[in-house]
Amino acid sequence: PAKVFDGDERSHEFGLTSSLKFLQISTTRHRKAPQGKLVQGYGVL
């Protein structure tokens, strides 16, 4: 994932676009309060 917030459901499904980029999978957030960032990815290209 590019990022995961603490209210997100973690999905284990990987989808790709026709240019071999990962699809951004929509997530259900359980809290309405400000989200804390649990995971952040870096380094594309």
ModelCIF file with pLDDT and N, C-alpha, C, O atoms, coordinates in Angstrom:
data_MODEL
#
_entry.id   MODEL 
#
_entity.id                         1 
_entity.type                       polymer 
_entity.pdbx_number_of_molecules   1 
#
_entity_poly.entity_id                      1 
_entity_poly.type                           'polypeptide(L)' 
_entity_poly.nstd_linkage                   no 
_entity_poly.nstd_monomer                   no 
_entity_poly.pdbx_seq_one_letter_code       PAKVFDGDERSHEFGLTSSLKFLQISTTRHRKAPQGKLVQGYGVL 
_entity_poly.pdbx_seq_one_letter_code_can   PAKVFDGDERSHEFGLTSSLKFLQISTTRHRKAPQGKLVQGYGVL 
_entity_poly.pdbx_strand_id                 A 
#
loop_
_entity_poly_seq.entity_id 
_entity_poly_seq.num 
_entity_poly_seq.mon_id 
_entity_poly_seq.hetero 
1 1  PRO n 
1 2  ALA n 
1 3  LYS n 
1 4  VAL n 
1 5  PHE n 
1 6  ASP n 
1 7  GLY n 
1 8  ASP n 
1 9  GLU n 
1 10 ARG n 
1 11 SER n 
1 12 HIS n 
1 13 GLU n 
1 14 PHE n 
1 15 GLY n 
1 16 LEU n 
1 17 THR n 
1 18 SER n 
1 19 SER n 
1 20 LEU n 
1 21 LYS n 
1 22 PHE n 
1 23 LEU n 
1 24 GLN n 
1 25 ILE n 
1 26 SER n 
1 27 THR n 
1 28 THR n 
1 29 ARG n 
1 30 HIS n 
1 31 ARG n 
1 32 LYS n 
1 33 ALA n 
1 34 PRO n 
1 35 GLN n 
1 36 GLY n 
1 37 LYS n 
1 38 LEU n 
1 39 VAL n 
1 40 GLN n 
1 41 GLY n 
1 42 TYR n 
1 43 GLY n 
1 44 VAL n 
1 45 LEU n 
#
_struct_asym.id          A 
_struct_asym.entity_id   1 
#
loop_
_ma_qa_metric.id 
_ma_qa_metric.mode 
_ma_qa_metric.name 
_ma_qa_metric.software_group_id 
_ma_qa_metric.type 
1 global pLDDT . pLDDT 
2 local  pLDDT . pLDDT 
#
_ma_qa_metric_global.metric_id      1 
_ma_qa_metric_global.metric_value   71.69 
_ma_qa_metric_global.model_id       1 
_ma_qa_metric_global.ordinal_id     1 
#
loop_
_ma_qa_metric_local.label_asym_id 
_ma_qa_metric_local.label_comp_id 
_ma_qa_metric_local.label_seq_id 
_ma_qa_metric_local.metric_id 
_ma_qa_metric_local.metric_value 
_ma_qa_metric_local.model_id 
_ma_qa_metric_local.ordinal_id 
A PRO 1  2 90.00 1 1  
A ALA 2  2 91.00 1 2  
A LYS 3  2 89.00 1 3  
A VAL 4  2 88.00 1 4  
A PHE 5  2 86.00 1 5  
A ASP 6  2 83.00 1 6  
A GLY 7  2 72.00 1 7  
A ASP 8  2 66.00 1 8  
A GLU 9  2 64.00 1 9  
A ARG 10 2 60.00 1 10 
A SER 11 2 57.00 1 11 
A HIS 12 2 55.00 1 12 
A GLU 13 2 62.00 1 13 
A PHE 14 2 68.00 1 14 
A GLY 15 2 69.00 1 15 
A LEU 16 2 72.00 1 16 
A THR 17 2 71.00 1 17 
A SER 18 2 64.00 1 18 
A SER 19 2 71.00 1 19 
A LEU 20 2 71.00 1 20 
A LYS 21 2 76.00 1 21 
A PHE 22 2 75.00 1 22 
A LEU 23 2 63.00 1 23 
A GLN 24 2 57.00 1 24 
A ILE 25 2 50.00 1 25 
A SER 26 2 45.00 1 26 
A THR 27 2 46.00 1 27 
A THR 28 2 48.00 1 28 
A ARG 29 2 50.00 1 29 
A HIS 30 2 51.00 1 30 
A ARG 31 2 51.00 1 31 
A LYS 32 2 49.00 1 32 
A ALA 33 2 52.00 1 33 
A PRO 34 2 55.00 1 34 
A GLN 35 2 75.00 1 35 
A GLY 36 2 86.00 1 36 
A LYS 37 2 90.00 1 37 
A LEU 38 2 93.00 1 38 
A VAL 39 2 94.00 1 39 
A GLN 40 2 95.00 1 40 
A GLY 41 2 96.00 1 41 
A TYR 42 2 97.00 1 42 
A GLY 43 2 96.00 1 43 
A VAL 44 2 94.00 1 44 
A LEU 45 2 93.00 1 45 
#
loop_
_atom_site.group_PDB 
_atom_site.id 
_atom_site.type_symbol 
_atom_site.label_atom_id 
_atom_site.label_alt_id 
_atom_site.label_comp_id 
_atom_site.label_asym_id 
_atom_site.label_entity_id 
_atom_site.label_seq_id 
_atom_site.pdbx_PDB_ins_code 
_atom_site.Cartn_x 
_atom_site.Cartn_y 
_atom_site.Cartn_z 
_atom_site.occupancy 
_atom_site.B_iso_or_equiv 
_atom_site.pdbx_formal_charge 
_atom_site.auth_seq_id 
_atom_site.auth_comp_id 
_atom_site.auth_asym_id 
_atom_site.auth_atom_id 
_atom_site.pdbx_PDB_model_num 
ATOM 1   N N  . PRO A 1 1  ? 0.829   -1.201 0.000   1.00 90.00 ? 1  PRO A N  1 
ATOM 2   C CA . PRO A 1 1  ? 0.000   0.000  0.000   1.00 90.00 ? 1  PRO A CA 1 
ATOM 3   C C  . PRO A 1 1  ? 0.867   1.257  0.000   1.00 90.00 ? 1  PRO A C  1 
ATOM 4   O O  . PRO A 1 1  ? 1.984   1.262  0.518   1.00 90.00 ? 1  PRO A O  1 
ATOM 5   N N  . ALA A 1 2  ? 0.321   2.331  -0.598  1.00 91.00 ? 2  ALA A N  1 
ATOM 6   C CA . ALA A 1 2  ? 1.020   3.610  -0.529  1.00 91.00 ? 2  ALA A CA 1 
ATOM 7   C C  . ALA A 1 2  ? 0.887   4.192  0.875   1.00 91.00 ? 2  ALA A C  1 
ATOM 8   O O  . ALA A 1 2  ? 1.797   4.853  1.377   1.00 91.00 ? 2  ALA A O  1 
ATOM 9   N N  . LYS A 1 3  ? -0.263  3.935  1.500   1.00 89.00 ? 3  LYS A N  1 
ATOM 10  C CA . LYS A 1 3  ? -0.466  4.353  2.894   1.00 89.00 ? 3  LYS A CA 1 
ATOM 11  C C  . LYS A 1 3  ? -1.639  3.575  3.475   1.00 89.00 ? 3  LYS A C  1 
ATOM 12  O O  . LYS A 1 3  ? -2.549  3.164  2.755   1.00 89.00 ? 3  LYS A O  1 
ATOM 13  N N  . VAL A 1 4  ? -1.600  3.381  4.786   1.00 88.00 ? 4  VAL A N  1 
ATOM 14  C CA . VAL A 1 4  ? -2.682  2.727  5.520   1.00 88.00 ? 4  VAL A CA 1 
ATOM 15  C C  . VAL A 1 4  ? -2.952  3.557  6.767   1.00 88.00 ? 4  VAL A C  1 
ATOM 16  O O  . VAL A 1 4  ? -2.029  3.889  7.511   1.00 88.00 ? 4  VAL A O  1 
ATOM 17  N N  . PHE A 1 5  ? -4.223  3.893  6.995   1.00 86.00 ? 5  PHE A N  1 
ATOM 18  C CA . PHE A 1 5  ? -4.611  4.619  8.196   1.00 86.00 ? 5  PHE A CA 1 
ATOM 19  C C  . PHE A 1 5  ? -5.161  3.646  9.225   1.00 86.00 ? 5  PHE A C  1 
ATOM 20  O O  . PHE A 1 5  ? -5.578  2.538  8.886   1.00 86.00 ? 5  PHE A O  1 
ATOM 21  N N  . ASP A 1 6  ? -5.159  4.062  10.473  1.00 83.00 ? 6  ASP A N  1 
ATOM 22  C CA . ASP A 1 6  ? -5.521  3.129  11.540  1.00 83.00 ? 6  ASP A CA 1 
ATOM 23  C C  . ASP A 1 6  ? -6.991  2.747  11.543  1.00 83.00 ? 6  ASP A C  1 
ATOM 24  O O  . ASP A 1 6  ? -7.373  1.805  12.238  1.00 83.00 ? 6  ASP A O  1 
ATOM 25  N N  . GLY A 1 7  ? -7.830  3.452  10.785  1.00 72.00 ? 7  GLY A N  1 
ATOM 26  C CA . GLY A 1 7  ? -9.239  3.074  10.701  1.00 72.00 ? 7  GLY A CA 1 
ATOM 27  C C  . GLY A 1 7  ? -9.574  2.280  9.459   1.00 72.00 ? 7  GLY A C  1 
ATOM 28  O O  . GLY A 1 7  ? -10.737 1.945  9.238   1.00 72.00 ? 7  GLY A O  1 
ATOM 29  N N  . ASP A 1 8  ? -8.569  1.968  8.632   1.00 66.00 ? 8  ASP A N  1 
ATOM 30  C CA . ASP A 1 8  ? -8.805  1.248  7.387   1.00 66.00 ? 8  ASP A CA 1 
ATOM 31  C C  . ASP A 1 8  ? -8.858  -0.254 7.612   1.00 66.00 ? 8  ASP A C  1 
ATOM 32  O O  . ASP A 1 8  ? -8.179  -0.795 8.484   1.00 66.00 ? 8  ASP A O  1 
ATOM 33  N N  . GLU A 1 9  ? -9.675  -0.910 6.810   1.00 64.00 ? 9  GLU A N  1 
ATOM 34  C CA . GLU A 1 9  ? -9.595  -2.360 6.732   1.00 64.00 ? 9  GLU A CA 1 
ATOM 35  C C  . GLU A 1 9  ? -8.430  -2.712 5.812   1.00 64.00 ? 9  GLU A C  1 
ATOM 36  O O  . GLU A 1 9  ? -8.351  -2.208 4.691   1.00 64.00 ? 9  GLU A O  1 
ATOM 37  N N  . ARG A 1 10 ? -7.529  -3.570 6.276   1.00 60.00 ? 10 ARG A N  1 
ATOM 38  C CA . ARG A 1 10 ? -6.391  -3.935 5.442   1.00 60.00 ? 10 ARG A CA 1 
ATOM 39  C C  . ARG A 1 10 ? -6.835  -4.974 4.419   1.00 60.00 ? 10 ARG A C  1 
ATOM 40  O O  . ARG A 1 10 ? -7.345  -6.035 4.778   1.00 60.00 ? 10 ARG A O  1 
ATOM 41  N N  . SER A 1 11 ? -6.636  -4.659 3.145   1.00 57.00 ? 11 SER A N  1 
ATOM 42  C CA . SER A 1 11 ? -7.008  -5.587 2.076   1.00 57.00 ? 11 SER A CA 1 
ATOM 43  C C  . SER A 1 11 ? -5.782  -6.339 1.591   1.00 57.00 ? 11 SER A C  1 
ATOM 44  O O  . SER A 1 11 ? -4.701  -5.762 1.474   1.00 57.00 ? 11 SER A O  1 
ATOM 45  N N  . HIS A 1 12 ? -5.944  -7.624 1.308   1.00 55.00 ? 12 HIS A N  1 
ATOM 46  C CA . HIS A 1 12 ? -4.843  -8.444 0.816   1.00 55.00 ? 12 HIS A CA 1 
ATOM 47  C C  . HIS A 1 12 ? -4.982  -8.735 -0.674  1.00 55.00 ? 12 HIS A C  1 
ATOM 48  O O  . HIS A 1 12 ? -4.319  -9.634 -1.192  1.00 55.00 ? 12 HIS A O  1 
ATOM 49  N N  . GLU A 1 13 ? -5.840  -7.982 -1.371  1.00 62.00 ? 13 GLU A N  1 
ATOM 50  C CA . GLU A 1 13 ? -6.035  -8.194 -2.799  1.00 62.00 ? 13 GLU A CA 1 
ATOM 51  C C  . GLU A 1 13 ? -5.203  -7.186 -3.583  1.00 62.00 ? 13 GLU A C  1 
ATOM 52  O O  . GLU A 1 13 ? -5.255  -5.983 -3.325  1.00 62.00 ? 13 GLU A O  1 
ATOM 53  N N  . PHE A 1 14 ? -4.424  -7.705 -4.561  1.00 68.00 ? 14 PHE A N  1 
ATOM 54  C CA . PHE A 1 14 ? -3.598  -6.852 -5.394  1.00 68.00 ? 14 PHE A CA 1 
ATOM 55  C C  . PHE A 1 14 ? -4.214  -6.788 -6.784  1.00 68.00 ? 14 PHE A C  1 
ATOM 56  O O  . PHE A 1 14 ? -4.361  -7.824 -7.432  1.00 68.00 ? 14 PHE A O  1 
ATOM 57  N N  . GLY A 1 15 ? -4.576  -5.609 -7.257  1.00 69.00 ? 15 GLY A N  1 
ATOM 58  C CA . GLY A 1 15 ? -5.055  -5.437 -8.620  1.00 69.00 ? 15 GLY A CA 1 
ATOM 59  C C  . GLY A 1 15 ? -4.120  -4.522 -9.375  1.00 69.00 ? 15 GLY A C  1 
ATOM 60  O O  . GLY A 1 15 ? -3.507  -3.637 -8.778  1.00 69.00 ? 15 GLY A O  1 
ATOM 61  N N  . LEU A 1 16 ? -3.995  -4.719 -10.697 1.00 72.00 ? 16 LEU A N  1 
ATOM 62  C CA . LEU A 1 16 ? -3.092  -3.929 -11.513 1.00 72.00 ? 16 LEU A CA 1 
ATOM 63  C C  . LEU A 1 16 ? -3.852  -3.234 -12.630 1.00 72.00 ? 16 LEU A C  1 
ATOM 64  O O  . LEU A 1 16 ? -4.853  -3.748 -13.129 1.00 72.00 ? 16 LEU A O  1 
ATOM 65  N N  . THR A 1 17 ? -3.365  -2.052 -13.020 1.00 71.00 ? 17 THR A N  1 
ATOM 66  C CA . THR A 1 17 ? -3.890  -1.371 -14.190 1.00 71.00 ? 17 THR A CA 1 
ATOM 67  C C  . THR A 1 17 ? -3.183  -1.922 -15.430 1.00 71.00 ? 17 THR A C  1 
ATOM 68  O O  . THR A 1 17 ? -2.277  -2.749 -15.323 1.00 71.00 ? 17 THR A O  1 
ATOM 69  N N  . SER A 1 18 ? -3.606  -1.458 -16.604 1.00 64.00 ? 18 SER A N  1 
ATOM 70  C CA . SER A 1 18 ? -3.003  -1.937 -17.842 1.00 64.00 ? 18 SER A CA 1 
ATOM 71  C C  . SER A 1 18 ? -1.579  -1.426 -18.036 1.00 64.00 ? 18 SER A C  1 
ATOM 72  O O  . SER A 1 18 ? -0.878  -1.904 -18.929 1.00 64.00 ? 18 SER A O  1 
ATOM 73  N N  . SER A 1 19 ? -1.131  -0.466 -17.223 1.00 71.00 ? 19 SER A N  1 
ATOM 74  C CA . SER A 1 19 ? 0.261   -0.008 -17.282 1.00 71.00 ? 19 SER A CA 1 
ATOM 75  C C  . SER A 1 19 ? 1.063   -0.534 -16.088 1.00 71.00 ? 19 SER A C  1 
ATOM 76  O O  . SER A 1 19 ? 2.098   0.027  -15.730 1.00 71.00 ? 19 SER A O  1 
ATOM 77  N N  . LEU A 1 20 ? 0.571   -1.620 -15.476 1.00 71.00 ? 20 LEU A N  1 
ATOM 78  C CA . LEU A 1 20 ? 1.260   -2.304 -14.378 1.00 71.00 ? 20 LEU A CA 1 
ATOM 79  C C  . LEU A 1 20 ? 1.452   -1.429 -13.146 1.00 71.00 ? 20 LEU A C  1 
ATOM 80  O O  . LEU A 1 20 ? 2.469   -1.530 -12.459 1.00 71.00 ? 20 LEU A O  1 
ATOM 81  N N  . LYS A 1 21 ? 0.489   -0.583 -12.870 1.00 76.00 ? 21 LYS A N  1 
ATOM 82  C CA . LYS A 1 21 ? 0.453   0.157  -11.618 1.00 76.00 ? 21 LYS A CA 1 
ATOM 83  C C  . LYS A 1 21 ? -0.588  -0.500 -10.716 1.00 76.00 ? 21 LYS A C  1 
ATOM 84  O O  . LYS A 1 21 ? -1.621  -0.972 -11.190 1.00 76.00 ? 21 LYS A O  1 
ATOM 85  N N  . PHE A 1 22 ? -0.311  -0.528 -9.422  1.00 75.00 ? 22 PHE A N  1 
ATOM 86  C CA . PHE A 1 22 ? -1.274  -1.115 -8.498  1.00 75.00 ? 22 PHE A CA 1 
ATOM 87  C C  . PHE A 1 22 ? -2.542  -0.263 -8.434  1.00 75.00 ? 22 PHE A C  1 
ATOM 88  O O  . PHE A 1 22 ? -2.479  0.965  -8.376  1.00 75.00 ? 22 PHE A O  1 
ATOM 89  N N  . LEU A 1 23 ? -3.683  -0.935 -8.446  1.00 63.00 ? 23 LEU A N  1 
ATOM 90  C CA . LEU A 1 23 ? -4.943  -0.233 -8.248  1.00 63.00 ? 23 LEU A CA 1 
ATOM 91  C C  . LEU A 1 23 ? -5.028  0.272  -6.818  1.00 63.00 ? 23 LEU A C  1 
ATOM 92  O O  . LEU A 1 23 ? -4.591  -0.404 -5.887  1.00 63.00 ? 23 LEU A O  1 
ATOM 93  N N  . GLN A 1 24 ? -5.585  1.448  -6.645  1.00 57.00 ? 24 GLN A N  1 
ATOM 94  C CA . GLN A 1 24 ? -5.843  1.964  -5.310  1.00 57.00 ? 24 GLN A CA 1 
ATOM 95  C C  . GLN A 1 24 ? -7.182  1.398  -4.842  1.00 57.00 ? 24 GLN A C  1 
ATOM 96  O O  . GLN A 1 24 ? -8.242  1.828  -5.297  1.00 57.00 ? 24 GLN A O  1 
ATOM 97  N N  . ILE A 1 25 ? -7.122  0.440  -3.939  1.00 50.00 ? 25 ILE A N  1 
ATOM 98  C CA . ILE A 1 25 ? -8.344  -0.236 -3.483  1.00 50.00 ? 25 ILE A CA 1 
ATOM 99  C C  . ILE A 1 25 ? -9.039  0.628  -2.438  1.00 50.00 ? 25 ILE A C  1 
ATOM 100 O O  . ILE A 1 25 ? -8.415  1.073  -1.475  1.00 50.00 ? 25 ILE A O  1 
ATOM 101 N N  . SER A 1 26 ? -10.327 0.861  -2.631  1.00 45.00 ? 26 SER A N  1 
ATOM 102 C CA . SER A 1 26 ? -11.074 1.660  -1.669  1.00 45.00 ? 26 SER A CA 1 
ATOM 103 C C  . SER A 1 26 ? -11.215 0.887  -0.355  1.00 45.00 ? 26 SER A C  1 
ATOM 104 O O  . SER A 1 26 ? -11.336 -0.338 -0.348  1.00 45.00 ? 26 SER A O  1 
ATOM 105 N N  . THR A 1 27 ? -11.195 1.619  0.736   1.00 46.00 ? 27 THR A N  1 
ATOM 106 C CA . THR A 1 27 ? -11.270 0.982  2.046   1.00 46.00 ? 27 THR A CA 1 
ATOM 107 C C  . THR A 1 27 ? -12.421 1.576  2.851   1.00 46.00 ? 27 THR A C  1 
ATOM 108 O O  . THR A 1 27 ? -12.847 2.708  2.623   1.00 46.00 ? 27 THR A O  1 
ATOM 109 N N  . THR A 1 28 ? -12.909 0.786  3.792   1.00 48.00 ? 28 THR A N  1 
ATOM 110 C CA . THR A 1 28 ? -13.951 1.248  4.701   1.00 48.00 ? 28 THR A CA 1 
ATOM 111 C C  . THR A 1 28 ? -13.296 1.717  5.987   1.00 48.00 ? 28 THR A C  1 
ATOM 112 O O  . THR A 1 28 ? -12.549 0.968  6.616   1.00 48.00 ? 28 THR A O  1 
ATOM 113 N N  . ARG A 1 29 ? -13.567 2.932  6.375   1.00 50.00 ? 29 ARG A N  1 
ATOM 114 C CA . ARG A 1 29 ? -12.992 3.476  7.598   1.00 50.00 ? 29 ARG A CA 1 
ATOM 115 C C  . ARG A 1 29 ? -14.032 3.440  8.710   1.00 50.00 ? 29 ARG A C  1 
ATOM 116 O O  . ARG A 1 29 ? -15.182 3.840  8.528   1.00 50.00 ? 29 ARG A O  1 
ATOM 117 N N  . HIS A 1 30 ? -13.597 2.956  9.853   1.00 51.00 ? 30 HIS A N  1 
ATOM 118 C CA . HIS A 1 30 ? -14.535 2.704  10.947  1.00 51.00 ? 30 HIS A CA 1 
ATOM 119 C C  . HIS A 1 30 ? -14.688 3.911  11.877  1.00 51.00 ? 30 HIS A C  1 
ATOM 120 O O  . HIS A 1 30 ? -15.647 3.980  12.646  1.00 51.00 ? 30 HIS A O  1 
ATOM 121 N N  . ARG A 1 31 ? -13.759 4.851  11.814  1.00 51.00 ? 31 ARG A N  1 
ATOM 122 C CA . ARG A 1 31 ? -13.826 5.981  12.735  1.00 51.00 ? 31 ARG A CA 1 
ATOM 123 C C  . ARG A 1 31 ? -13.995 7.270  11.952  1.00 51.00 ? 31 ARG A C  1 
ATOM 124 O O  . ARG A 1 31 ? -13.454 7.410  10.855  1.00 51.00 ? 31 ARG A O  1 
ATOM 125 N N  . LYS A 1 32 ? -14.739 8.206  12.510  1.00 49.00 ? 32 LYS A N  1 
ATOM 126 C CA . LYS A 1 32 ? -14.916 9.506  11.884  1.00 49.00 ? 32 LYS A CA 1 
ATOM 127 C C  . LYS A 1 32 ? -13.907 10.521 12.405  1.00 49.00 ? 32 LYS A C  1 
ATOM 128 O O  . LYS A 1 32 ? -13.762 11.601 11.832  1.00 49.00 ? 32 LYS A O  1 
ATOM 129 N N  . ALA A 1 33 ? -13.216 10.186 13.476  1.00 52.00 ? 33 ALA A N  1 
ATOM 130 C CA . ALA A 1 33 ? -12.201 11.078 14.027  1.00 52.00 ? 33 ALA A CA 1 
ATOM 131 C C  . ALA A 1 33 ? -11.016 11.128 13.073  1.00 52.00 ? 33 ALA A C  1 
ATOM 132 O O  . ALA A 1 33 ? -10.912 10.276 12.191  1.00 52.00 ? 33 ALA A O  1 
ATOM 133 N N  . PRO A 1 34 ? -10.104 12.117 13.224  1.00 55.00 ? 34 PRO A N  1 
ATOM 134 C CA . PRO A 1 34 ? -8.919  12.192 12.364  1.00 55.00 ? 34 PRO A CA 1 
ATOM 135 C C  . PRO A 1 34 ? -8.150  10.870 12.372  1.00 55.00 ? 34 PRO A C  1 
ATOM 136 O O  . PRO A 1 34 ? -7.973  10.242 13.415  1.00 55.00 ? 34 PRO A O  1 
ATOM 137 N N  . GLN A 1 35 ? -7.702  10.469 11.194  1.00 75.00 ? 35 GLN A N  1 
ATOM 138 C CA . GLN A 1 35 ? -7.035  9.186  11.060  1.00 75.00 ? 35 GLN A CA 1 
ATOM 139 C C  . GLN A 1 35 ? -5.547  9.316  11.396  1.00 75.00 ? 35 GLN A C  1 
ATOM 140 O O  . GLN A 1 35 ? -4.906  10.313 11.064  1.00 75.00 ? 35 GLN A O  1 
ATOM 141 N N  . GLY A 1 36 ? -5.015  8.288  12.062  1.00 86.00 ? 36 GLY A N  1 
ATOM 142 C CA . GLY A 1 36 ? -3.575  8.217  12.277  1.00 86.00 ? 36 GLY A CA 1 
ATOM 143 C C  . GLY A 1 36 ? -2.960  7.332  11.207  1.00 86.00 ? 36 GLY A C  1 
ATOM 144 O O  . GLY A 1 36 ? -3.544  6.314  10.834  1.00 86.00 ? 36 GLY A O  1 
ATOM 145 N N  . LYS A 1 37 ? -1.782  7.709  10.706  1.00 90.00 ? 37 LYS A N  1 
ATOM 146 C CA . LYS A 1 37 ? -1.156  6.961  9.633   1.00 90.00 ? 37 LYS A CA 1 
ATOM 147 C C  . LYS A 1 37 ? -0.358  5.808  10.216  1.00 90.00 ? 37 LYS A C  1 
ATOM 148 O O  . LYS A 1 37 ? 0.611   6.014  10.948  1.00 90.00 ? 37 LYS A O  1 
ATOM 149 N N  . LEU A 1 38 ? -0.774  4.589  9.885   1.00 93.00 ? 38 LEU A N  1 
ATOM 150 C CA . LEU A 1 38 ? -0.150  3.377  10.402  1.00 93.00 ? 38 LEU A CA 1 
ATOM 151 C C  . LEU A 1 38 ? 1.011   2.916  9.519   1.00 93.00 ? 38 LEU A C  1 
ATOM 152 O O  . LEU A 1 38 ? 2.038   2.466  10.027  1.00 93.00 ? 38 LEU A O  1 
ATOM 153 N N  . VAL A 1 39 ? 0.847   3.028  8.195   1.00 94.00 ? 39 VAL A N  1 
ATOM 154 C CA . VAL A 1 39 ? 1.874   2.611  7.242   1.00 94.00 ? 39 VAL A CA 1 
ATOM 155 C C  . VAL A 1 39 ? 2.004   3.671  6.159   1.00 94.00 ? 39 VAL A C  1 
ATOM 156 O O  . VAL A 1 39 ? 0.999   4.173  5.654   1.00 94.00 ? 39 VAL A O  1 
ATOM 157 N N  . GLN A 1 40 ? 3.238   4.015  5.799   1.00 95.00 ? 40 GLN A N  1 
ATOM 158 C CA . GLN A 1 40 ? 3.496   4.951  4.706   1.00 95.00 ? 40 GLN A CA 1 
ATOM 159 C C  . GLN A 1 40 ? 4.571   4.366  3.807   1.00 95.00 ? 40 GLN A C  1 
ATOM 160 O O  . GLN A 1 40 ? 5.628   3.952  4.284   1.00 95.00 ? 40 GLN A O  1 
ATOM 161 N N  . GLY A 1 41 ? 4.303   4.330  2.492   1.00 96.00 ? 41 GLY A N  1 
ATOM 162 C CA . GLY A 1 41 ? 5.266   3.802  1.532   1.00 96.00 ? 41 GLY A CA 1 
ATOM 163 C C  . GLY A 1 41 ? 5.996   4.904  0.794   1.00 96.00 ? 41 GLY A C  1 
ATOM 164 O O  . GLY A 1 41 ? 5.453   5.989  0.582   1.00 96.00 ? 41 GLY A O  1 
ATOM 165 N N  . TYR A 1 42 ? 7.241   4.622  0.398   1.00 97.00 ? 42 TYR A N  1 
ATOM 166 C CA . TYR A 1 42 ? 8.071   5.582  -0.331  1.00 97.00 ? 42 TYR A CA 1 
ATOM 167 C C  . TYR A 1 42 ? 8.877   4.843  -1.407  1.00 97.00 ? 42 TYR A C  1 
ATOM 168 O O  . TYR A 1 42 ? 9.112   3.640  -1.296  1.00 97.00 ? 42 TYR A O  1 
ATOM 169 N N  . GLY A 1 43 ? 9.296   5.570  -2.446  1.00 96.00 ? 43 GLY A N  1 
ATOM 170 C CA . GLY A 1 43 ? 10.321  5.031  -3.326  1.00 96.00 ? 43 GLY A CA 1 
ATOM 171 C C  . GLY A 1 43 ? 9.913   4.668  -4.734  1.00 96.00 ? 43 GLY A C  1 
ATOM 172 O O  . GLY A 1 43 ? 10.705  4.046  -5.442  1.00 96.00 ? 43 GLY A O  1 
ATOM 173 N N  . VAL A 1 44 ? 8.699   5.029  -5.189  1.00 94.00 ? 44 VAL A N  1 
ATOM 174 C CA . VAL A 1 44 ? 8.308   4.713  -6.559  1.00 94.00 ? 44 VAL A CA 1 
ATOM 175 C C  . VAL A 1 44 ? 9.252   5.407  -7.542  1.00 94.00 ? 44 VAL A C  1 
ATOM 176 O O  . VAL A 1 44 ? 9.601   6.573  -7.359  1.00 94.00 ? 44 VAL A O  1 
ATOM 177 N N  . LEU A 1 45 ? 9.663   4.678  -8.590  1.00 93.00 ? 45 LEU A N  1 
ATOM 178 C CA . LEU A 1 45 ? 10.571  5.135  -9.640  1.00 93.00 ? 45 LEU A CA 1 
ATOM 179 C C  . LEU A 1 45 ? 11.980  5.408  -9.128  1.00 93.00 ? 45 LEU A C  1 
ATOM 180 O O  . LEU A 1 45 ? 12.854  5.799  -9.902  1.00 93.00 ? 45 LEU A O  1 
#
